[in-house]
């Protein structure tokens, strides 16, 4: 392959990746970053999150989450799948995707 062909192929791959990101490509499984922080505070107080992460998400047995810089998809994945035996799994019938989005909005506002 010539250098020109390799360069062209690289540019095409980069453009496709950029278009996928711009169009929201990524499987669609992650909830949108929209959420209601006020509802999230109420949901946080009513869910098991408080027991490990503290009333204000300040940390305790679990890590501090207030003001998190984690992406929403990471938070949702951790809630759904747990984390290395330290954090249990929470299926959607216990904590809905809307609950996670609201809690995330509240965590970001802390």
N, C-alpha and C. Protein backbone atom coordinates (compact mmCIF):
# COMPACT_ATOMS: atom_id res chain seq x y z
N UNK A 1 0.84 -1.19 0.00
CA UNK A 1 0.00 0.00 0.00
C UNK A 1 0.88 1.24 0.00
N UNK A 2 0.42 2.21 -0.73
CA UNK A 2 1.17 3.46 -0.78
C UNK A 2 0.84 4.31 0.44
N UNK A 3 1.72 5.26 0.71
CA UNK A 3 1.48 6.18 1.83
C UNK A 3 0.19 6.97 1.61
N UNK A 4 -0.07 7.29 0.37
CA UNK A 4 -1.28 8.06 0.04
C UNK A 4 -2.54 7.24 0.35
N UNK A 5 -2.54 5.95 0.04
CA UNK A 5 -3.68 5.08 0.31
C UNK A 5 -3.89 4.94 1.82
N UNK A 6 -2.83 4.76 2.56
CA UNK A 6 -2.91 4.64 4.01
C UNK A 6 -3.45 5.94 4.62
N UNK A 7 -2.96 7.06 4.14
CA UNK A 7 -3.43 8.36 4.64
C UNK A 7 -4.92 8.53 4.35
N UNK A 8 -5.34 8.20 3.15
CA UNK A 8 -6.75 8.32 2.77
C UNK A 8 -7.61 7.42 3.66
N UNK A 9 -7.20 6.18 3.87
CA UNK A 9 -7.96 5.24 4.70
C UNK A 9 -8.05 5.75 6.14
N UNK A 10 -6.97 6.30 6.65
CA UNK A 10 -6.97 6.85 8.01
C UNK A 10 -7.94 8.01 8.12
N UNK A 11 -7.94 8.89 7.16
CA UNK A 11 -8.85 10.04 7.17
C UNK A 11 -10.30 9.56 7.14
N UNK A 12 -10.60 8.57 6.31
CA UNK A 12 -11.96 8.05 6.21
C UNK A 12 -12.40 7.45 7.55
N UNK A 13 -11.55 6.67 8.19
CA UNK A 13 -11.89 6.07 9.48
C UNK A 13 -12.13 7.15 10.53
N UNK A 14 -11.29 8.15 10.58
CA UNK A 14 -11.45 9.24 11.54
C UNK A 14 -12.75 9.99 11.29
N UNK A 15 -13.07 10.28 10.05
CA UNK A 15 -14.31 10.98 9.72
C UNK A 15 -15.53 10.15 10.11
N UNK A 16 -15.51 8.87 9.87
CA UNK A 16 -16.63 8.01 10.25
C UNK A 16 -16.79 8.01 11.77
N UNK A 17 -15.69 7.91 12.49
CA UNK A 17 -15.76 7.93 13.96
C UNK A 17 -16.31 9.25 14.46
N UNK A 18 -15.88 10.35 13.89
CA UNK A 18 -16.39 11.67 14.29
C UNK A 18 -17.87 11.81 14.00
N UNK A 19 -18.31 11.30 12.86
CA UNK A 19 -19.73 11.37 12.52
C UNK A 19 -20.56 10.52 13.47
N UNK A 20 -20.06 9.36 13.85
CA UNK A 20 -20.78 8.50 14.79
C UNK A 20 -20.93 9.18 16.14
N UNK A 21 -19.89 9.83 16.61
CA UNK A 21 -19.95 10.55 17.89
C UNK A 21 -20.91 11.72 17.78
N UNK A 22 -20.82 12.48 16.71
CA UNK A 22 -21.68 13.64 16.53
C UNK A 22 -23.15 13.26 16.42
N UNK A 23 -23.43 12.08 15.88
CA UNK A 23 -24.81 11.63 15.71
C UNK A 23 -25.30 10.82 16.90
N UNK A 24 -24.48 10.73 17.92
CA UNK A 24 -24.90 9.99 19.10
C UNK A 24 -24.71 8.50 18.97
N UNK A 25 -23.93 8.05 18.02
CA UNK A 25 -23.69 6.62 17.86
C UNK A 25 -22.98 6.08 19.07
N UNK A 26 -23.34 4.90 19.47
CA UNK A 26 -22.71 4.30 20.63
C UNK A 26 -23.63 3.26 21.22
N UNK A 27 -24.58 2.78 20.45
CA UNK A 27 -25.43 1.72 20.91
C UNK A 27 -26.74 2.19 21.50
N UNK A 28 -26.80 3.43 21.98
CA UNK A 28 -28.04 3.95 22.50
C UNK A 28 -28.44 3.42 23.86
N UNK A 29 -27.61 2.60 24.50
CA UNK A 29 -27.99 2.00 25.78
C UNK A 29 -27.86 2.99 26.94
N UNK A 30 -26.99 3.95 26.83
CA UNK A 30 -26.78 4.89 27.93
C UNK A 30 -27.91 5.92 27.96
N UNK A 31 -28.35 6.26 29.18
CA UNK A 31 -29.40 7.27 29.27
C UNK A 31 -28.85 8.64 28.89
N UNK A 32 -29.74 9.53 28.55
CA UNK A 32 -29.33 10.89 28.22
C UNK A 32 -28.85 11.60 29.49
N UNK A 33 -27.98 12.59 29.30
CA UNK A 33 -27.41 13.32 30.42
C UNK A 33 -28.42 14.25 31.07
N UNK A 34 -29.64 14.31 30.54
CA UNK A 34 -30.68 15.14 31.12
C UNK A 34 -31.18 14.48 32.40
N UNK A 35 -31.50 15.26 33.37
CA UNK A 35 -32.06 14.75 34.60
C UNK A 35 -32.50 15.91 35.46
N UNK A 36 -33.31 15.62 36.44
CA UNK A 36 -33.86 16.62 37.35
C UNK A 36 -33.12 16.49 38.69
N UNK A 37 -32.27 17.46 39.00
CA UNK A 37 -31.45 17.39 40.21
C UNK A 37 -32.31 17.36 41.48
N UNK A 38 -33.41 18.10 41.49
CA UNK A 38 -34.28 18.11 42.67
C UNK A 38 -34.89 16.72 42.89
N UNK A 39 -35.38 16.12 41.81
CA UNK A 39 -35.92 14.76 41.90
C UNK A 39 -34.81 13.78 42.28
N UNK A 40 -33.61 14.02 41.76
CA UNK A 40 -32.47 13.16 42.09
C UNK A 40 -32.12 13.17 43.56
N UNK A 41 -32.22 14.34 44.20
CA UNK A 41 -31.95 14.44 45.64
C UNK A 41 -32.97 13.63 46.42
N UNK A 42 -34.22 13.69 46.01
CA UNK A 42 -35.28 12.93 46.68
C UNK A 42 -35.10 11.43 46.46
N UNK A 43 -34.74 11.06 45.24
CA UNK A 43 -34.53 9.65 44.92
C UNK A 43 -33.33 9.12 45.69
N UNK A 44 -32.26 9.88 45.71
CA UNK A 44 -31.06 9.49 46.46
C UNK A 44 -31.40 9.15 47.90
N UNK A 45 -32.20 10.00 48.53
CA UNK A 45 -32.56 9.82 49.94
C UNK A 45 -33.42 8.58 50.15
N UNK A 46 -34.11 8.13 49.11
CA UNK A 46 -35.02 7.00 49.27
C UNK A 46 -34.43 5.66 48.80
N UNK A 47 -33.25 5.68 48.24
CA UNK A 47 -32.63 4.47 47.71
C UNK A 47 -31.48 4.04 48.61
N UNK A 48 -30.98 2.81 48.42
CA UNK A 48 -29.89 2.30 49.26
C UNK A 48 -28.56 3.05 49.10
N UNK A 49 -28.46 3.95 48.12
CA UNK A 49 -27.22 4.70 47.87
C UNK A 49 -26.70 5.37 49.14
N UNK A 50 -27.62 5.92 49.91
CA UNK A 50 -27.30 6.68 51.11
C UNK A 50 -26.48 5.86 52.11
N UNK A 51 -26.80 4.58 52.23
CA UNK A 51 -26.15 3.73 53.21
C UNK A 51 -24.63 3.63 53.05
N UNK A 52 -24.17 3.67 51.81
CA UNK A 52 -22.72 3.52 51.56
C UNK A 52 -22.04 4.82 51.13
N UNK A 53 -22.78 5.67 50.43
CA UNK A 53 -22.17 6.87 49.87
C UNK A 53 -22.47 8.13 50.67
N UNK A 54 -23.29 8.01 51.72
CA UNK A 54 -23.59 9.15 52.58
C UNK A 54 -24.81 9.94 52.13
N UNK A 55 -25.40 10.65 53.06
CA UNK A 55 -26.62 11.41 52.81
C UNK A 55 -26.42 12.47 51.73
N UNK A 56 -25.24 13.03 51.65
CA UNK A 56 -24.95 14.07 50.66
C UNK A 56 -23.93 13.60 49.62
N UNK A 57 -23.81 12.28 49.48
CA UNK A 57 -22.87 11.66 48.54
C UNK A 57 -21.43 12.02 48.86
N UNK A 58 -21.19 12.30 50.15
CA UNK A 58 -19.86 12.71 50.59
C UNK A 58 -18.90 11.54 50.76
N UNK A 59 -19.40 10.34 50.66
CA UNK A 59 -18.57 9.15 50.81
C UNK A 59 -18.73 8.55 52.18
N UNK A 60 -18.32 7.34 52.31
CA UNK A 60 -18.41 6.59 53.56
C UNK A 60 -17.79 5.24 53.27
N UNK A 61 -18.61 4.20 53.32
CA UNK A 61 -18.16 2.87 52.91
C UNK A 61 -17.83 2.91 51.42
N UNK A 62 -18.69 3.58 50.65
CA UNK A 62 -18.47 3.78 49.22
C UNK A 62 -17.79 5.11 48.97
N UNK A 63 -17.30 5.32 47.78
CA UNK A 63 -16.57 6.57 47.48
C UNK A 63 -17.46 7.80 47.43
N UNK A 64 -16.85 8.95 47.56
CA UNK A 64 -17.53 10.22 47.38
C UNK A 64 -18.01 10.31 45.93
N UNK A 65 -19.26 10.71 45.75
CA UNK A 65 -19.81 10.88 44.41
C UNK A 65 -20.27 12.30 44.16
N UNK A 66 -20.37 13.10 45.19
CA UNK A 66 -20.78 14.50 45.03
C UNK A 66 -19.81 15.20 44.08
N UNK A 67 -20.36 15.91 43.11
CA UNK A 67 -19.53 16.62 42.15
C UNK A 67 -18.78 15.70 41.21
N UNK A 68 -19.27 14.50 41.01
CA UNK A 68 -18.56 13.50 40.22
C UNK A 68 -18.15 14.01 38.84
N UNK A 69 -17.02 13.51 38.38
CA UNK A 69 -16.58 13.79 37.01
C UNK A 69 -16.78 12.55 36.13
N UNK A 70 -17.35 11.50 36.72
CA UNK A 70 -17.61 10.29 35.94
C UNK A 70 -18.67 10.55 34.88
N UNK A 71 -18.55 9.93 33.73
CA UNK A 71 -19.61 10.06 32.73
C UNK A 71 -20.87 9.32 33.19
N UNK A 72 -22.00 9.77 32.73
CA UNK A 72 -23.28 9.14 33.08
C UNK A 72 -23.28 7.66 32.73
N UNK A 73 -22.73 7.30 31.59
CA UNK A 73 -22.71 5.89 31.17
C UNK A 73 -21.94 5.03 32.17
N UNK A 74 -20.88 5.56 32.76
CA UNK A 74 -20.11 4.82 33.75
C UNK A 74 -20.93 4.64 35.02
N UNK A 75 -21.62 5.68 35.44
CA UNK A 75 -22.46 5.59 36.64
C UNK A 75 -23.55 4.54 36.40
N UNK A 76 -24.23 4.61 35.26
CA UNK A 76 -25.29 3.66 34.98
C UNK A 76 -24.74 2.23 34.94
N UNK A 77 -23.60 2.03 34.30
CA UNK A 77 -23.01 0.70 34.22
C UNK A 77 -22.68 0.16 35.61
N UNK A 78 -22.16 1.00 36.48
CA UNK A 78 -21.81 0.57 37.83
C UNK A 78 -23.07 0.25 38.63
N UNK A 79 -24.11 1.06 38.50
CA UNK A 79 -25.37 0.79 39.20
C UNK A 79 -25.95 -0.54 38.72
N UNK A 80 -25.96 -0.76 37.43
CA UNK A 80 -26.56 -1.97 36.87
C UNK A 80 -25.75 -3.24 37.14
N UNK A 81 -24.42 -3.13 37.08
CA UNK A 81 -23.57 -4.32 37.14
C UNK A 81 -22.81 -4.49 38.45
N UNK A 82 -22.91 -3.51 39.35
CA UNK A 82 -22.14 -3.59 40.58
C UNK A 82 -20.67 -3.33 40.31
N UNK A 83 -19.89 -3.53 41.35
CA UNK A 83 -18.45 -3.28 41.19
C UNK A 83 -17.66 -4.21 42.11
N UNK A 84 -17.06 -5.21 41.52
CA UNK A 84 -16.12 -6.10 42.20
C UNK A 84 -16.55 -6.59 43.57
N UNK A 85 -17.81 -6.86 43.78
CA UNK A 85 -18.26 -7.34 45.07
C UNK A 85 -18.42 -6.25 46.12
N UNK A 86 -17.89 -5.06 45.83
CA UNK A 86 -18.00 -3.95 46.78
C UNK A 86 -19.37 -3.28 46.69
N UNK A 87 -19.89 -3.20 45.48
CA UNK A 87 -21.18 -2.57 45.27
C UNK A 87 -22.11 -3.57 44.61
N UNK A 88 -23.31 -3.72 45.18
CA UNK A 88 -24.26 -4.67 44.57
C UNK A 88 -24.84 -4.14 43.27
N UNK A 89 -25.44 -5.04 42.52
CA UNK A 89 -26.14 -4.69 41.29
C UNK A 89 -27.53 -4.17 41.66
N UNK A 90 -27.99 -3.16 40.90
CA UNK A 90 -29.35 -2.66 41.08
C UNK A 90 -30.06 -2.71 39.73
N UNK A 91 -30.97 -3.67 39.55
CA UNK A 91 -31.70 -3.76 38.29
C UNK A 91 -32.68 -2.61 38.14
N UNK A 92 -33.19 -2.45 36.93
CA UNK A 92 -34.09 -1.34 36.60
C UNK A 92 -35.36 -1.33 37.43
N UNK A 93 -35.79 -2.48 37.94
CA UNK A 93 -37.00 -2.47 38.77
C UNK A 93 -36.72 -1.92 40.17
N UNK A 94 -35.45 -1.76 40.54
CA UNK A 94 -35.09 -1.14 41.82
C UNK A 94 -34.68 0.32 41.64
N UNK A 95 -33.91 0.58 40.58
CA UNK A 95 -33.46 1.94 40.26
C UNK A 95 -33.60 2.10 38.75
N UNK A 96 -34.58 2.88 38.33
CA UNK A 96 -34.85 3.03 36.90
C UNK A 96 -33.79 3.90 36.22
N UNK A 97 -33.79 3.88 34.90
CA UNK A 97 -32.88 4.74 34.14
C UNK A 97 -33.18 6.21 34.43
N UNK A 98 -34.46 6.55 34.58
CA UNK A 98 -34.82 7.93 34.93
C UNK A 98 -34.29 8.29 36.31
N UNK A 99 -34.37 7.35 37.26
CA UNK A 99 -33.80 7.59 38.59
C UNK A 99 -32.31 7.87 38.50
N UNK A 100 -31.61 7.06 37.70
CA UNK A 100 -30.16 7.25 37.56
C UNK A 100 -29.86 8.61 36.95
N UNK A 101 -30.61 9.00 35.92
CA UNK A 101 -30.38 10.30 35.28
C UNK A 101 -30.63 11.43 36.28
N UNK A 102 -31.68 11.31 37.08
CA UNK A 102 -31.97 12.34 38.08
C UNK A 102 -30.91 12.38 39.18
N UNK A 103 -30.53 11.22 39.67
CA UNK A 103 -29.47 11.17 40.69
C UNK A 103 -28.18 11.75 40.13
N UNK A 104 -27.86 11.41 38.90
CA UNK A 104 -26.64 11.93 38.26
C UNK A 104 -26.67 13.45 38.20
N UNK A 105 -27.81 14.00 37.80
CA UNK A 105 -27.95 15.47 37.75
C UNK A 105 -27.72 16.07 39.13
N UNK A 106 -28.25 15.42 40.16
CA UNK A 106 -28.06 15.91 41.53
C UNK A 106 -26.59 15.79 41.94
N UNK A 107 -25.95 14.64 41.64
CA UNK A 107 -24.54 14.47 42.00
C UNK A 107 -23.67 15.54 41.33
N UNK A 108 -23.94 15.81 40.06
CA UNK A 108 -23.16 16.83 39.34
C UNK A 108 -23.34 18.22 39.96
N UNK A 109 -24.51 18.46 40.56
CA UNK A 109 -24.79 19.78 41.13
C UNK A 109 -24.18 19.96 42.52
N UNK A 110 -23.68 18.92 43.09
CA UNK A 110 -23.13 18.99 44.46
C UNK A 110 -21.74 19.59 44.46
